[in-house]
N, C-alpha and C. Protein backbone atom coordinates (compact mmCIF):
# COMPACT_ATOMS: atom_id res chain seq x y z
N CYS A 1 78.51 53.31 117.61
CA CYS A 1 77.69 52.65 116.60
C CYS A 1 76.29 52.43 117.16
N ILE A 2 75.37 52.12 116.28
CA ILE A 2 73.97 51.95 116.67
C ILE A 2 73.79 50.80 117.64
N HIS A 3 74.56 49.74 117.50
CA HIS A 3 74.44 48.59 118.38
C HIS A 3 74.90 48.92 119.80
N CYS A 4 76.00 49.65 119.92
CA CYS A 4 76.49 50.07 121.24
C CYS A 4 75.51 51.04 121.89
N HIS A 5 74.95 51.94 121.10
CA HIS A 5 73.97 52.91 121.61
C HIS A 5 72.74 52.17 122.14
N LYS A 6 72.27 51.19 121.39
CA LYS A 6 71.11 50.41 121.82
C LYS A 6 71.42 49.67 123.11
N GLU A 7 72.61 49.10 123.21
CA GLU A 7 73.00 48.37 124.41
C GLU A 7 73.05 49.29 125.64
N ILE A 8 73.51 50.50 125.46
CA ILE A 8 73.53 51.47 126.56
C ILE A 8 72.12 51.72 127.06
N HIS A 9 71.18 51.93 126.15
CA HIS A 9 69.80 52.19 126.54
C HIS A 9 69.14 50.97 127.18
N GLU A 10 69.49 49.79 126.71
CA GLU A 10 68.88 48.58 127.25
C GLU A 10 69.38 48.24 128.64
N ASN A 11 70.60 48.62 128.95
CA ASN A 11 71.22 48.20 130.21
C ASN A 11 71.41 49.32 131.23
N ASN A 12 71.02 50.53 130.90
CA ASN A 12 71.24 51.66 131.80
C ASN A 12 70.05 52.61 131.80
N THR A 13 69.97 53.40 132.85
CA THR A 13 69.04 54.52 132.84
C THR A 13 69.79 55.71 132.27
N ILE A 14 69.06 56.67 131.75
CA ILE A 14 69.67 57.85 131.16
C ILE A 14 69.47 59.02 132.10
N LYS A 15 70.57 59.60 132.55
CA LYS A 15 70.49 60.76 133.43
C LYS A 15 70.08 61.98 132.61
N VAL A 16 69.08 62.70 133.09
CA VAL A 16 68.54 63.85 132.36
C VAL A 16 68.81 65.12 133.15
N TYR A 17 69.31 66.11 132.43
CA TYR A 17 69.62 67.42 133.01
C TYR A 17 68.83 68.49 132.26
N ASP A 18 68.44 69.54 132.96
CA ASP A 18 67.75 70.63 132.28
C ASP A 18 68.77 71.53 131.59
N GLU A 19 68.30 72.59 130.96
CA GLU A 19 69.18 73.48 130.20
C GLU A 19 70.22 74.19 131.07
N LYS A 20 70.00 74.23 132.38
CA LYS A 20 70.96 74.86 133.30
C LYS A 20 71.93 73.85 133.90
N GLY A 21 71.80 72.59 133.50
CA GLY A 21 72.68 71.55 134.00
C GLY A 21 72.24 70.95 135.33
N ILE A 22 71.00 71.22 135.74
CA ILE A 22 70.48 70.69 136.99
C ILE A 22 69.87 69.31 136.72
N TYR A 23 70.28 68.35 137.53
CA TYR A 23 69.83 66.97 137.37
C TYR A 23 68.33 66.87 137.63
N GLU A 24 67.59 66.27 136.67
CA GLU A 24 66.14 66.13 136.80
C GLU A 24 65.73 64.71 137.19
N GLY A 25 66.51 63.72 136.85
CA GLY A 25 66.17 62.33 137.17
C GLY A 25 66.67 61.37 136.11
N ASP A 26 66.33 60.11 136.29
CA ASP A 26 66.71 59.08 135.33
C ASP A 26 65.52 58.74 134.46
N TYR A 27 65.76 58.58 133.17
CA TYR A 27 64.71 58.23 132.23
C TYR A 27 65.00 56.84 131.68
N PHE A 28 63.93 56.13 131.35
CA PHE A 28 64.04 54.81 130.73
C PHE A 28 63.55 54.92 129.29
N TYR A 29 64.21 54.23 128.37
CA TYR A 29 63.86 54.31 126.96
C TYR A 29 62.48 53.72 126.71
N CYS A 30 61.86 54.14 125.64
CA CYS A 30 60.56 53.59 125.21
C CYS A 30 60.74 52.09 124.96
N LYS A 31 59.81 51.30 125.46
CA LYS A 31 59.91 49.86 125.34
C LYS A 31 59.70 49.36 123.92
N ARG A 32 59.13 50.19 123.08
CA ARG A 32 58.86 49.75 121.70
C ARG A 32 59.98 50.13 120.74
N CYS A 33 60.44 51.36 120.80
CA CYS A 33 61.46 51.82 119.83
C CYS A 33 62.87 51.86 120.43
N HIS A 34 62.99 51.48 121.69
CA HIS A 34 64.28 51.47 122.39
C HIS A 34 64.97 52.82 122.40
N GLY A 35 64.17 53.88 122.51
CA GLY A 35 64.73 55.22 122.65
C GLY A 35 65.04 55.94 121.35
N ALA A 36 64.74 55.33 120.23
CA ALA A 36 65.01 55.98 118.94
C ALA A 36 63.93 57.01 118.61
N GLY A 37 62.69 56.73 118.97
CA GLY A 37 61.58 57.63 118.66
C GLY A 37 60.97 57.40 117.29
N TRP A 38 61.63 56.60 116.47
CA TRP A 38 61.11 56.32 115.14
C TRP A 38 61.75 55.05 114.60
N PHE A 39 61.18 54.55 113.50
CA PHE A 39 61.67 53.35 112.84
C PHE A 39 62.01 53.71 111.39
N PRO A 40 63.29 53.80 111.05
CA PRO A 40 63.69 54.19 109.69
C PRO A 40 63.03 53.37 108.57
N PRO A 41 62.87 52.04 108.72
CA PRO A 41 62.24 51.28 107.63
C PRO A 41 60.79 51.69 107.35
N TYR A 42 60.16 52.36 108.32
CA TYR A 42 58.77 52.75 108.17
C TYR A 42 58.60 54.25 107.99
N LYS A 43 59.64 54.89 107.46
CA LYS A 43 59.60 56.33 107.25
C LYS A 43 58.43 56.74 106.34
N HIS A 44 57.98 55.85 105.50
CA HIS A 44 56.86 56.15 104.58
C HIS A 44 55.50 56.16 105.30
N ILE A 45 55.45 55.71 106.56
CA ILE A 45 54.21 55.72 107.34
C ILE A 45 54.38 56.73 108.48
N GLN A 46 53.78 57.88 108.35
CA GLN A 46 53.86 58.96 109.33
C GLN A 46 55.30 59.25 109.73
N GLU A 47 56.19 59.29 108.75
CA GLU A 47 57.61 59.58 108.95
C GLU A 47 58.31 58.56 109.84
N GLY A 48 57.69 57.38 110.05
CA GLY A 48 58.31 56.32 110.83
C GLY A 48 58.24 56.50 112.33
N ILE A 49 57.46 57.47 112.80
CA ILE A 49 57.40 57.76 114.23
C ILE A 49 56.88 56.56 115.02
N CYS A 50 57.41 56.38 116.20
CA CYS A 50 56.95 55.31 117.09
C CYS A 50 55.56 55.67 117.59
N PHE A 51 54.60 54.79 117.37
CA PHE A 51 53.23 55.08 117.80
C PHE A 51 53.07 55.03 119.31
N ARG A 52 53.98 54.37 120.01
CA ARG A 52 53.86 54.27 121.46
C ARG A 52 54.29 55.57 122.14
N CYS A 53 55.48 56.06 121.82
CA CYS A 53 56.00 57.26 122.50
C CYS A 53 55.79 58.53 121.69
N LYS A 54 55.34 58.38 120.44
CA LYS A 54 55.12 59.51 119.54
C LYS A 54 56.37 60.37 119.38
N GLY A 55 57.53 59.71 119.39
CA GLY A 55 58.79 60.40 119.19
C GLY A 55 59.43 60.94 120.46
N ALA A 56 58.79 60.76 121.62
CA ALA A 56 59.32 61.30 122.88
C ALA A 56 60.55 60.52 123.35
N ARG A 57 60.68 59.27 122.98
CA ARG A 57 61.83 58.40 123.23
C ARG A 57 61.94 57.81 124.63
N TYR A 58 61.35 58.42 125.64
CA TYR A 58 61.50 57.91 127.00
C TYR A 58 60.14 57.66 127.65
N GLU A 59 60.05 56.61 128.46
CA GLU A 59 58.81 56.24 129.13
C GLU A 59 58.22 57.39 129.93
N GLU A 60 59.04 58.15 130.61
CA GLU A 60 58.59 59.24 131.46
C GLU A 60 57.94 60.38 130.68
N LEU A 61 58.18 60.43 129.39
CA LEU A 61 57.63 61.50 128.56
C LEU A 61 56.40 61.06 127.76
N ILE A 62 56.02 59.79 127.88
CA ILE A 62 54.85 59.29 127.17
C ILE A 62 53.59 59.74 127.89
N GLU A 63 52.68 60.40 127.16
CA GLU A 63 51.46 60.93 127.76
C GLU A 63 50.51 59.83 128.19
N ASN A 64 50.25 58.86 127.34
CA ASN A 64 49.34 57.75 127.64
C ASN A 64 50.08 56.44 127.37
N PRO A 65 50.87 55.95 128.32
CA PRO A 65 51.70 54.78 128.06
C PRO A 65 50.94 53.49 127.80
N ASP A 66 49.65 53.43 128.13
CA ASP A 66 48.87 52.20 127.91
C ASP A 66 48.31 52.11 126.50
N THR A 67 48.44 53.16 125.72
CA THR A 67 47.94 53.15 124.35
C THR A 67 49.08 53.36 123.38
N PHE A 68 48.86 52.99 122.15
CA PHE A 68 49.87 53.19 121.11
C PHE A 68 49.64 54.50 120.38
N GLY A 69 48.60 55.23 120.71
CA GLY A 69 48.35 56.50 120.08
C GLY A 69 47.87 56.41 118.64
N ILE A 70 47.29 55.29 118.29
CA ILE A 70 46.83 55.11 116.92
C ILE A 70 45.47 55.73 116.77
């Protein structure tokens, strides 16, 4: 369920593997959208995308983490 998924992201790092199954490292969820990449209630505003991570979902993938990208 969505609540269990959110709890996993809040309390754990996410192990990331490449397409060959080689471990790349641990990723942390976006602090604003909690790893979802978007906000369903705001789908009418730029498809609900998280302005902080721009849909990337993880802190390590955010290009400019100090800005919201607005």
